[in-house]
């Protein structure tokens, strides 16, 4: 796992906001400091050097504990790379 950033707060929409130092892939899995999967990256916004990331939390995650643990380290999985779009490929005749 790779360090993503520190959690800032939980928004009114129920999404976790994290301040990061790099641009992650959208849709990557996100873990807390206990290596428990908590959600997926929804949106990356703000400046490119220090972006903010909104994370869609899973329903099983308790939001109250996340609110208490503001500043917790958040991690992202390394192997979530985007797959190439197969729609654009055409079959070649030999």
Foldseek 3Di string as FASTA:
>chain_A
DAWAAFWAAQDPVRWTKGKGQADDDFQFWKAFPVRHTFFTWHDWDDDHRIIMTTTDGDPVDDRVVVRVRGGTIMGTDDPDDDDDDPVPDDDDDD
